[in-house]
Amino acid sequence: MGGDTVRRPCSISCAPTHDARRTTHDDVDVDVVLVFLPAELVARLIGPLLARLRSGTRVLAPEQAALDAQPAPQRSTLLVTDAGVTVVHEWRA
């Protein structure tokens, strides 16, 4: 994240129906959202989630599986560590 500053931590919990319009926070004012869900859920949730976030908020999703999400990620970065390999997909609201 370079010189970016995260103002405060916040978690967003989707309802059991995985409906991104129903969260535990009505006012979603965060800098970064980390989505750690199966690829098929990320693909279904990304559009509604981006619509709820303020402009400039980043959404990150680490995935090993192919991600068929719309909108498509604006950037995908290969992440290689001693523990394994993944791809981190990034969208901006």
PDB file of N, CA and C in Angstrom:
ATOM      1  N   MET A   1       0.812  -1.179   0.000  1.00  0.00           N
ATOM      2  CA  MET A   1       0.000   0.000   0.000  1.00  0.00           C
ATOM      3  C   MET A   1       0.862   1.253   0.000  1.00  0.00           C
ATOM      4  N   GLY A   2       2.129   1.121  -0.001  1.00  0.00           N
ATOM      5  CA  GLY A   2       2.991   2.287  -0.086  1.00  0.00           C
ATOM      6  C   GLY A   2       2.777   3.224   1.074  1.00  0.00           C
ATOM      7  N   GLY A   3       2.537   4.510   0.780  1.00  0.00           N
ATOM      8  CA  GLY A   3       2.355   5.505   1.813  1.00  0.00           C
ATOM      9  C   GLY A   3       0.920   5.686   2.246  1.00  0.00           C
ATOM     10  N   ASP A   4       0.018   4.823   1.769  1.00  0.00           N
ATOM     11  CA  ASP A   4      -1.388   4.951   2.145  1.00  0.00           C
ATOM     12  C   ASP A   4      -1.575   4.681   3.636  1.00  0.00           C
ATOM     13  N   THR A   5      -2.563   5.317   4.221  1.00  0.00           N
ATOM     14  CA  THR A   5      -2.877   5.120   5.627  1.00  0.00           C
ATOM     15  C   THR A   5      -4.287   4.575   5.754  1.00  0.00           C
ATOM     16  N   VAL A   6      -4.436   3.524   6.532  1.00  0.00           N
ATOM     17  CA  VAL A   6      -5.759   2.973   6.805  1.00  0.00           C
ATOM     18  C   VAL A   6      -6.279   3.667   8.054  1.00  0.00           C
ATOM     19  N   ARG A   7      -7.460   4.298   7.959  1.00  0.00           N
ATOM     20  CA  ARG A   7      -8.003   5.086   9.061  1.00  0.00           C
ATOM     21  C   ARG A   7      -8.421   4.242  10.250  1.00  0.00           C
ATOM     22  N   ARG A   8      -9.150   3.165  10.013  1.00  0.00           N
ATOM     23  CA  ARG A   8      -9.634   2.333  11.108  1.00  0.00           C
ATOM     24  C   ARG A   8     -10.039   0.980  10.548  1.00  0.00           C
ATOM     25  N   PRO A   9      -9.873  -0.078  11.330  1.00  0.00           N
ATOM     26  CA  PRO A   9     -10.306  -1.388  10.852  1.00  0.00           C
ATOM     27  C   PRO A   9     -11.818  -1.503  10.917  1.00  0.00           C
ATOM     28  N   CYS A  10     -12.384  -2.275  10.020  1.00  0.00           N
ATOM     29  CA  CYS A  10     -13.829  -2.476   9.978  1.00  0.00           C
ATOM     30  C   CYS A  10     -14.092  -3.779   9.253  1.00  0.00           C
ATOM     31  N   SER A  11     -14.993  -4.587   9.762  1.00  0.00           N
ATOM     32  CA  SER A  11     -15.353  -5.815   9.055  1.00  0.00           C
ATOM     33  C   SER A  11     -16.746  -5.667   8.486  1.00  0.00           C
ATOM     34  N   ILE A  12     -16.961  -6.269   7.335  1.00  0.00           N
ATOM     35  CA  ILE A  12     -18.267  -6.265   6.690  1.00  0.00           C
ATOM     36  C   ILE A  12     -18.714  -7.712   6.602  1.00  0.00           C
ATOM     37  N   SER A  13     -19.799  -8.026   7.259  1.00  0.00           N
ATOM     38  CA  SER A  13     -20.294  -9.396   7.263  1.00  0.00           C
ATOM     39  C   SER A  13     -21.526  -9.485   6.383  1.00  0.00           C
ATOM     40  N   CYS A  14     -21.478 -10.360   5.400  1.00  0.00           N
ATOM     41  CA  CYS A  14     -22.653 -10.559   4.546  1.00  0.00           C
ATOM     42  C   CYS A  14     -23.640 -11.469   5.250  1.00  0.00           C
ATOM     43  N   ALA A  15     -24.905 -11.250   4.970  1.00  0.00           N
ATOM     44  CA  ALA A  15     -25.954 -12.089   5.546  1.00  0.00           C
ATOM     45  C   ALA A  15     -25.799 -13.513   5.045  1.00  0.00           C
ATOM     46  N   PRO A  16     -26.425 -14.492   5.705  1.00  0.00           N
ATOM     47  CA  PRO A  16     -26.300 -15.891   5.269  1.00  0.00           C
ATOM     48  C   PRO A  16     -26.670 -16.120   3.807  1.00  0.00           C
ATOM     49  N   THR A  17     -27.471 -15.224   3.216  1.00  0.00           N
ATOM     50  CA  THR A  17     -27.832 -15.375   1.812  1.00  0.00           C
ATOM     51  C   THR A  17     -26.715 -14.886   0.896  1.00  0.00           C
ATOM     52  N   HIS A  18     -25.622 -14.387   1.481  1.00  0.00           N
ATOM     53  CA  HIS A  18     -24.499 -13.829   0.728  1.00  0.00           C
ATOM     54  C   HIS A  18     -24.953 -12.654  -0.134  1.00  0.00           C
ATOM     55  N   ASP A  19     -25.827 -11.843   0.430  1.00  0.00           N
ATOM     56  CA  ASP A  19     -26.354 -10.667  -0.258  1.00  0.00           C
ATOM     57  C   ASP A  19     -25.536  -9.460   0.181  1.00  0.00           C
ATOM     58  N   ALA A  20     -24.692  -8.924  -0.715  1.00  0.00           N
ATOM     59  CA  ALA A  20     -23.802  -7.818  -0.374  1.00  0.00           C
ATOM     60  C   ALA A  20     -24.564  -6.550  -0.027  1.00  0.00           C
ATOM     61  N   ARG A  21     -25.863  -6.501  -0.323  1.00  0.00           N
ATOM     62  CA  ARG A  21     -26.650  -5.316   0.023  1.00  0.00           C
ATOM     63  C   ARG A  21     -27.043  -5.326   1.491  1.00  0.00           C
ATOM     64  N   ARG A  22     -26.919  -6.476   2.153  1.00  0.00           N
ATOM     65  CA  ARG A  22     -27.286  -6.596   3.563  1.00  0.00           C
ATOM     66  C   ARG A  22     -26.031  -6.835   4.372  1.00  0.00           C
ATOM     67  N   THR A  23     -25.473  -5.778   4.923  1.00  0.00           N
ATOM     68  CA  THR A  23     -24.263  -5.899   5.725  1.00  0.00           C
ATOM     69  C   THR A  23     -24.547  -5.452   7.146  1.00  0.00           C
ATOM     70  N   THR A  24     -23.587  -5.680   8.033  1.00  0.00           N
ATOM     71  CA  THR A  24     -23.747  -5.243   9.414  1.00  0.00           C
ATOM     72  C   THR A  24     -23.436  -3.760   9.552  1.00  0.00           C
ATOM     73  N   HIS A  25     -22.958  -3.114   8.511  1.00  0.00           N
ATOM     74  CA  HIS A  25     -22.647  -1.685   8.526  1.00  0.00           C
ATOM     75  C   HIS A  25     -23.406  -1.002   7.396  1.00  0.00           C
ATOM     76  N   ASP A  26     -24.358  -0.134   7.740  1.00  0.00           N
ATOM     77  CA  ASP A  26     -25.093   0.584   6.709  1.00  0.00           C
ATOM     78  C   ASP A  26     -24.215   1.603   6.004  1.00  0.00           C
ATOM     79  N   ASP A  27     -23.324   2.262   6.755  1.00  0.00           N
ATOM     80  CA  ASP A  27     -22.422   3.264   6.192  1.00  0.00           C
ATOM     81  C   ASP A  27     -21.055   2.614   6.024  1.00  0.00           C
ATOM     82  N   VAL A  28     -20.754   2.160   4.825  1.00  0.00           N
ATOM     83  CA  VAL A  28     -19.502   1.450   4.574  1.00  0.00           C
ATOM     84  C   VAL A  28     -18.443   2.469   4.164  1.00  0.00           C
ATOM     85  N   ASP A  29     -17.673   2.948   5.156  1.00  0.00           N
ATOM     86  CA  ASP A  29     -16.653   3.964   4.931  1.00  0.00           C
ATOM     87  C   ASP A  29     -15.299   3.386   5.330  1.00  0.00           C
ATOM     88  N   VAL A  30     -14.723   2.590   4.442  1.00  0.00           N
ATOM     89  CA  VAL A  30     -13.439   1.946   4.695  1.00  0.00           C
ATOM     90  C   VAL A  30     -12.499   2.230   3.528  1.00  0.00           C
ATOM     91  N   ASP A  31     -11.205   2.002   3.738  1.00  0.00           N
ATOM     92  CA  ASP A  31     -10.207   2.228   2.700  1.00  0.00           C
ATOM     93  C   ASP A  31      -9.956   0.984   1.854  1.00  0.00           C
ATOM     94  N   VAL A  32      -9.932  -0.176   2.516  1.00  0.00           N
ATOM     95  CA  VAL A  32      -9.622  -1.444   1.851  1.00  0.00           C
ATOM     96  C   VAL A  32     -10.564  -2.515   2.376  1.00  0.00           C
ATOM     97  N   VAL A  33     -11.098  -3.326   1.470  1.00  0.00           N
ATOM     98  CA  VAL A  33     -11.922  -4.478   1.847  1.00  0.00           C
ATOM     99  C   VAL A  33     -11.201  -5.723   1.342  1.00  0.00           C
ATOM    100  N   LEU A  34     -10.909  -6.650   2.247  1.00  0.00           N
ATOM    101  CA  LEU A  34     -10.313  -7.926   1.876  1.00  0.00           C
ATOM    102  C   LEU A  34     -11.426  -8.956   1.828  1.00  0.00           C
ATOM    103  N   VAL A  35     -11.649  -9.531   0.652  1.00  0.00           N
ATOM    104  CA  VAL A  35     -12.701 -10.522   0.451  1.00  0.00           C
ATOM    105  C   VAL A  35     -12.027 -11.885   0.360  1.00  0.00           C
ATOM    106  N   PHE A  36     -12.212 -12.701   1.381  1.00  0.00           N
ATOM    107  CA  PHE A  36     -11.594 -14.016   1.405  1.00  0.00           C
ATOM    108  C   PHE A  36     -12.703 -15.055   1.376  1.00  0.00           C
ATOM    109  N   LEU A  37     -13.255 -15.260   0.184  1.00  0.00           N
ATOM    110  CA  LEU A  37     -14.375 -16.165  -0.050  1.00  0.00           C
ATOM    111  C   LEU A  37     -14.078 -17.026  -1.268  1.00  0.00           C
ATOM    112  N   PRO A  38     -14.825 -18.113  -1.467  1.00  0.00           N
ATOM    113  CA  PRO A  38     -14.656 -18.898  -2.692  1.00  0.00           C
ATOM    114  C   PRO A  38     -14.893 -18.036  -3.940  1.00  0.00           C
ATOM    115  N   ALA A  39     -14.196 -18.360  -5.012  1.00  0.00           N
ATOM    116  CA  ALA A  39     -14.231 -17.556  -6.244  1.00  0.00           C
ATOM    117  C   ALA A  39     -15.650 -17.329  -6.757  1.00  0.00           C
ATOM    118  N   GLU A  40     -16.519 -18.335  -6.663  1.00  0.00           N
ATOM    119  CA  GLU A  40     -17.874 -18.158  -7.190  1.00  0.00           C
ATOM    120  C   GLU A  40     -18.665 -17.131  -6.374  1.00  0.00           C
ATOM    121  N   LEU A  41     -18.394 -17.020  -5.081  1.00  0.00           N
ATOM    122  CA  LEU A  41     -19.062 -16.002  -4.266  1.00  0.00           C
ATOM    123  C   LEU A  41     -18.500 -14.614  -4.546  1.00  0.00           C
ATOM    124  N   VAL A  42     -17.193 -14.527  -4.716  1.00  0.00           N
ATOM    125  CA  VAL A  42     -16.581 -13.232  -5.066  1.00  0.00           C
ATOM    126  C   VAL A  42     -17.193 -12.726  -6.369  1.00  0.00           C
ATOM    127  N   ALA A  43     -17.330 -13.605  -7.346  1.00  0.00           N
ATOM    128  CA  ALA A  43     -17.884 -13.212  -8.642  1.00  0.00           C
ATOM    129  C   ALA A  43     -19.309 -12.670  -8.492  1.00  0.00           C
ATOM    130  N   ARG A  44     -20.101 -13.257  -7.599  1.00  0.00           N
ATOM    131  CA  ARG A  44     -21.485 -12.803  -7.399  1.00  0.00           C
ATOM    132  C   ARG A  44     -21.568 -11.527  -6.575  1.00  0.00           C
ATOM    133  N   LEU A  45     -20.637 -11.334  -5.651  1.00  0.00           N
ATOM    134  CA  LEU A  45     -20.726 -10.219  -4.704  1.00  0.00           C
ATOM    135  C   LEU A  45     -20.014  -8.947  -5.129  1.00  0.00           C
ATOM    136  N   ILE A  46     -19.043  -9.031  -6.028  1.00  0.00           N
ATOM    137  CA  ILE A  46     -18.181  -7.879  -6.291  1.00  0.00           C
ATOM    138  C   ILE A  46     -18.957  -6.666  -6.823  1.00  0.00           C
ATOM    139  N   GLY A  47     -19.876  -6.857  -7.740  1.00  0.00           N
ATOM    140  CA  GLY A  47     -20.634  -5.729  -8.285  1.00  0.00           C
ATOM    141  C   GLY A  47     -21.449  -5.000  -7.225  1.00  0.00           C
ATOM    142  N   PRO A  48     -22.312  -5.720  -6.465  1.00  0.00           N
ATOM    143  CA  PRO A  48     -23.074  -5.058  -5.411  1.00  0.00           C
ATOM    144  C   PRO A  48     -22.189  -4.442  -4.322  1.00  0.00           C
ATOM    145  N   LEU A  49     -21.082  -5.096  -3.999  1.00  0.00           N
ATOM    146  CA  LEU A  49     -20.181  -4.556  -2.982  1.00  0.00           C
ATOM    147  C   LEU A  49     -19.560  -3.245  -3.438  1.00  0.00           C
ATOM    148  N   LEU A  50     -19.045  -3.200  -4.668  1.00  0.00           N
ATOM    149  CA  LEU A  50     -18.447  -1.962  -5.186  1.00  0.00           C
ATOM    150  C   LEU A  50     -19.451  -0.816  -5.191  1.00  0.00           C
ATOM    151  N   ALA A  51     -20.712  -1.130  -5.462  1.00  0.00           N
ATOM    152  CA  ALA A  51     -21.750  -0.100  -5.485  1.00  0.00           C
ATOM    153  C   ALA A  51     -21.980   0.511  -4.105  1.00  0.00           C
ATOM    154  N   ARG A  52     -21.675  -0.216  -3.034  1.00  0.00           N
ATOM    155  CA  ARG A  52     -21.889   0.267  -1.662  1.00  0.00           C
ATOM    156  C   ARG A  52     -20.730   1.082  -1.122  1.00  0.00           C
ATOM    157  N   LEU A  53     -19.566   0.990  -1.751  1.00  0.00           N
ATOM    158  CA  LEU A  53     -18.366   1.621  -1.201  1.00  0.00           C
ATOM    159  C   LEU A  53     -18.158   3.022  -1.760  1.00  0.00           C
ATOM    160  N   ARG A  54     -17.480   3.859  -0.972  1.00  0.00           N
ATOM    161  CA  ARG A  54     -17.186   5.204  -1.462  1.00  0.00           C
ATOM    162  C   ARG A  54     -16.099   5.128  -2.523  1.00  0.00           C
ATOM    163  N   SER A  55     -16.053   6.139  -3.360  1.00  0.00           N
ATOM    164  CA  SER A  55     -15.086   6.205  -4.454  1.00  0.00           C
ATOM    165  C   SER A  55     -13.661   6.111  -3.911  1.00  0.00           C
ATOM    166  N   GLY A  56     -12.850   5.291  -4.565  1.00  0.00           N
ATOM    167  CA  GLY A  56     -11.453   5.143  -4.177  1.00  0.00           C
ATOM    168  C   GLY A  56     -11.168   3.975  -3.269  1.00  0.00           C
ATOM    169  N   THR A  57     -12.203   3.374  -2.676  1.00  0.00           N
ATOM    170  CA  THR A  57     -12.001   2.218  -1.809  1.00  0.00           C
ATOM    171  C   THR A  57     -11.499   1.048  -2.640  1.00  0.00           C
ATOM    172  N   ARG A  58     -10.496   0.343  -2.128  1.00  0.00           N
ATOM    173  CA  ARG A  58      -9.966  -0.829  -2.824  1.00  0.00           C
ATOM    174  C   ARG A  58     -10.577  -2.102  -2.268  1.00  0.00           C
ATOM    175  N   VAL A  59     -10.878  -3.031  -3.167  1.00  0.00           N
ATOM    176  CA  VAL A  59     -11.349  -4.363  -2.788  1.00  0.00           C
ATOM    177  C   VAL A  59     -10.309  -5.355  -3.284  1.00  0.00           C
ATOM    178  N   LEU A  60      -9.798  -6.173  -2.373  1.00  0.00           N
ATOM    179  CA  LEU A  60      -8.780  -7.168  -2.707  1.00  0.00           C
ATOM    180  C   LEU A  60      -9.341  -8.560  -2.470  1.00  0.00           C
ATOM    181  N   ALA A  61      -9.065  -9.471  -3.407  1.00  0.00           N
ATOM    182  CA  ALA A  61      -9.512 -10.858  -3.281  1.00  0.00           C
ATOM    183  C   ALA A  61      -8.389 -11.789  -3.686  1.00  0.00           C
ATOM    184  N   PRO A  62      -7.781 -12.509  -2.724  1.00  0.00           N
ATOM    185  CA  PRO A  62      -6.779 -13.508  -3.075  1.00  0.00           C
ATOM    186  C   PRO A  62      -7.470 -14.781  -3.544  1.00  0.00           C
ATOM    187  N   GLU A  63      -7.057 -15.295  -4.682  1.00  0.00           N
ATOM    188  CA  GLU A  63      -7.707 -16.478  -5.261  1.00  0.00           C
ATOM    189  C   GLU A  63      -6.687 -17.396  -5.915  1.00  0.00           C
ATOM    190  N   GLN A  64      -6.857 -18.695  -5.748  1.00  0.00           N
ATOM    191  CA  GLN A  64      -6.095 -19.656  -6.535  1.00  0.00           C
ATOM    192  C   GLN A  64      -6.900 -20.098  -7.742  1.00  0.00           C
ATOM    193  N   ALA A  65      -8.215 -20.039  -7.659  1.00  0.00           N
ATOM    194  CA  ALA A  65      -9.089 -20.468  -8.746  1.00  0.00           C
ATOM    195  C   ALA A  65      -9.283 -19.327  -9.747  1.00  0.00           C
ATOM    196  N   ALA A  66      -9.652 -19.671 -10.948  1.00  0.00           N
ATOM    197  CA  ALA A  66      -9.971 -18.650 -11.951  1.00  0.00           C
ATOM    198  C   ALA A  66     -11.146 -17.823 -11.452  1.00  0.00           C
ATOM    199  N   LEU A  67     -11.114 -16.524 -11.709  1.00  0.00           N
ATOM    200  CA  LEU A  67     -12.144 -15.621 -11.215  1.00  0.00           C
ATOM    201  C   LEU A  67     -12.895 -15.020 -12.386  1.00  0.00           C
ATOM    202  N   ASP A  68     -14.165 -15.398 -12.523  1.00  0.00           N
ATOM    203  CA  ASP A  68     -15.001 -14.908 -13.617  1.00  0.00           C
ATOM    204  C   ASP A  68     -15.971 -13.877 -13.053  1.00  0.00           C
ATOM    205  N   ALA A  69     -15.430 -12.715 -12.666  1.00  0.00           N
ATOM    206  CA  ALA A  69     -16.243 -11.685 -12.013  1.00  0.00           C
ATOM    207  C   ALA A  69     -16.489 -10.524 -12.958  1.00  0.00           C
ATOM    208  N   GLN A  70     -17.663  -9.924 -12.806  1.00  0.00           N
ATOM    209  CA  GLN A  70     -17.994  -8.704 -13.537  1.00  0.00           C
ATOM    210  C   GLN A  70     -18.405  -7.661 -12.522  1.00  0.00           C
ATOM    211  N   PRO A  71     -17.757  -6.534 -12.467  1.00  0.00           N
ATOM    212  CA  PRO A  71     -16.714  -6.125 -13.395  1.00  0.00           C
ATOM    213  C   PRO A  71     -15.422  -6.901 -13.165  1.00  0.00           C
ATOM    214  N   ALA A  72     -14.617  -6.974 -14.215  1.00  0.00           N
ATOM    215  CA  ALA A  72     -13.331  -7.661 -14.120  1.00  0.00           C
ATOM    216  C   ALA A  72     -12.398  -6.862 -13.202  1.00  0.00           C
ATOM    217  N   PRO A  73     -11.460  -7.531 -12.543  1.00  0.00           N
ATOM    218  CA  PRO A  73     -10.498  -6.802 -11.711  1.00  0.00           C
ATOM    219  C   PRO A  73      -9.720  -5.780 -12.540  1.00  0.00           C
ATOM    220  N   GLN A  74      -9.407  -4.652 -11.910  1.00  0.00           N
ATOM    221  CA  GLN A  74      -8.606  -3.639 -12.601  1.00  0.00           C
ATOM    222  C   GLN A  74      -7.130  -4.003 -12.598  1.00  0.00           C
ATOM    223  N   ARG A  75      -6.753  -4.851 -11.634  1.00  0.00           N
ATOM    224  CA  ARG A  75      -5.363  -5.302 -11.581  1.00  0.00           C
ATOM    225  C   ARG A  75      -5.328  -6.659 -10.899  1.00  0.00           C
ATOM    226  N   SER A  76      -4.463  -7.535 -11.369  1.00  0.00           N
ATOM    227  CA  SER A  76      -4.228  -8.834 -10.745  1.00  0.00           C
ATOM    228  C   SER A  76      -2.725  -8.985 -10.564  1.00  0.00           C
ATOM    229  N   THR A  77      -2.316  -9.322  -9.341  1.00  0.00           N
ATOM    230  CA  THR A  77      -0.898  -9.386  -9.004  1.00  0.00           C
ATOM    231  C   THR A  77      -0.555 -10.774  -8.484  1.00  0.00           C
ATOM    232  N   LEU A  78       0.463 -11.395  -9.070  1.00  0.00           N
ATOM    233  CA  LEU A  78       0.951 -12.683  -8.596  1.00  0.00           C
ATOM    234  C   LEU A  78       1.700 -12.463  -7.284  1.00  0.00           C
ATOM    235  N   LEU A  79       1.364 -13.253  -6.270  1.00  0.00           N
ATOM    236  CA  LEU A  79       2.005 -13.150  -4.962  1.00  0.00           C
ATOM    237  C   LEU A  79       2.653 -14.487  -4.641  1.00  0.00           C
ATOM    238  N   VAL A  80       3.977 -14.482  -4.536  1.00  0.00           N
ATOM    239  CA  VAL A  80       4.741 -15.692  -4.256  1.00  0.00           C
ATOM    240  C   VAL A  80       5.433 -15.522  -2.906  1.00  0.00           C
ATOM    241  N   THR A  81       5.181 -16.458  -1.990  1.00  0.00           N
ATOM    242  CA  THR A  81       5.831 -16.442  -0.681  1.00  0.00           C
ATOM    243  C   THR A  81       6.383 -17.830  -0.386  1.00  0.00           C
ATOM    244  N   ASP A  82       7.085 -17.963   0.717  1.00  0.00           N
ATOM    245  CA  ASP A  82       7.568 -19.285   1.123  1.00  0.00           C
ATOM    246  C   ASP A  82       6.414 -20.234   1.416  1.00  0.00           C
ATOM    247  N   ALA A  83       5.256 -19.677   1.800  1.00  0.00           N
ATOM    248  CA  ALA A  83       4.101 -20.495   2.164  1.00  0.00           C
ATOM    249  C   ALA A  83       3.261 -20.919   0.967  1.00  0.00           C
ATOM    250  N   GLY A  84       3.442 -20.275  -0.184  1.00  0.00           N
ATOM    251  CA  GLY A  84       2.636 -20.652  -1.342  1.00  0.00           C
ATOM    252  C   GLY A  84       2.531 -19.552  -2.377  1.00  0.00           C
ATOM    253  N   VAL A  85       1.643 -19.784  -3.337  1.00  0.00           N
ATOM    254  CA  VAL A  85       1.449 -18.866  -4.463  1.00  0.00           C
ATOM    255  C   VAL A  85      -0.041 -18.553  -4.579  1.00  0.00           C
ATOM    256  N   THR A  86      -0.363 -17.299  -4.840  1.00  0.00           N
ATOM    257  CA  THR A  86      -1.748 -16.910  -5.088  1.00  0.00           C
ATOM    258  C   THR A  86      -1.751 -15.705  -6.018  1.00  0.00           C
ATOM    259  N   VAL A  87      -2.917 -15.316  -6.459  1.00  0.00           N
ATOM    260  CA  VAL A  87      -3.095 -14.101  -7.244  1.00  0.00           C
ATOM    261  C   VAL A  87      -4.025 -13.200  -6.435  1.00  0.00           C
ATOM    262  N   VAL A  88      -3.647 -11.942  -6.280  1.00  0.00           N
ATOM    263  CA  VAL A  88      -4.500 -10.975  -5.578  1.00  0.00           C
ATOM    264  C   VAL A  88      -5.145 -10.088  -6.632  1.00  0.00           C
ATOM    265  N   HIS A  89      -6.469 -10.132  -6.698  1.00  0.00           N
ATOM    266  CA  HIS A  89      -7.227  -9.311  -7.648  1.00  0.00           C
ATOM    267  C   HIS A  89      -7.638  -8.018  -6.948  1.00  0.00           C
ATOM    268  N   GLU A  90      -7.607  -6.901  -7.689  1.00  0.00           N
ATOM    269  CA  GLU A  90      -7.931  -5.600  -7.093  1.00  0.00           C
ATOM    270  C   GLU A  90      -8.963  -4.867  -7.946  1.00  0.00           C
ATOM    271  N   TRP A  91      -9.950  -4.310  -7.242  1.00  0.00           N
ATOM    272  CA  TRP A  91     -10.946  -3.416  -7.851  1.00  0.00           C
ATOM    273  C   TRP A  91     -10.906  -2.115  -7.064  1.00  0.00           C
ATOM    274  N   ARG A  92     -11.326  -1.028  -7.689  1.00  0.00           N
ATOM    275  CA  ARG A  92     -11.520   0.248  -6.984  1.00  0.00           C
ATOM    276  C   ARG A  92     -12.942   0.705  -7.203  1.00  0.00           C
ATOM    277  N   ALA A  93     -13.564   1.108  -6.116  1.00  0.00           N
ATOM    278  CA  ALA A  93     -14.938   1.609  -6.189  1.00  0.00           C
ATOM    279  C   ALA A  93     -14.950   2.974  -6.859  1.00  0.00           C
TER     280      ALA A  93
END
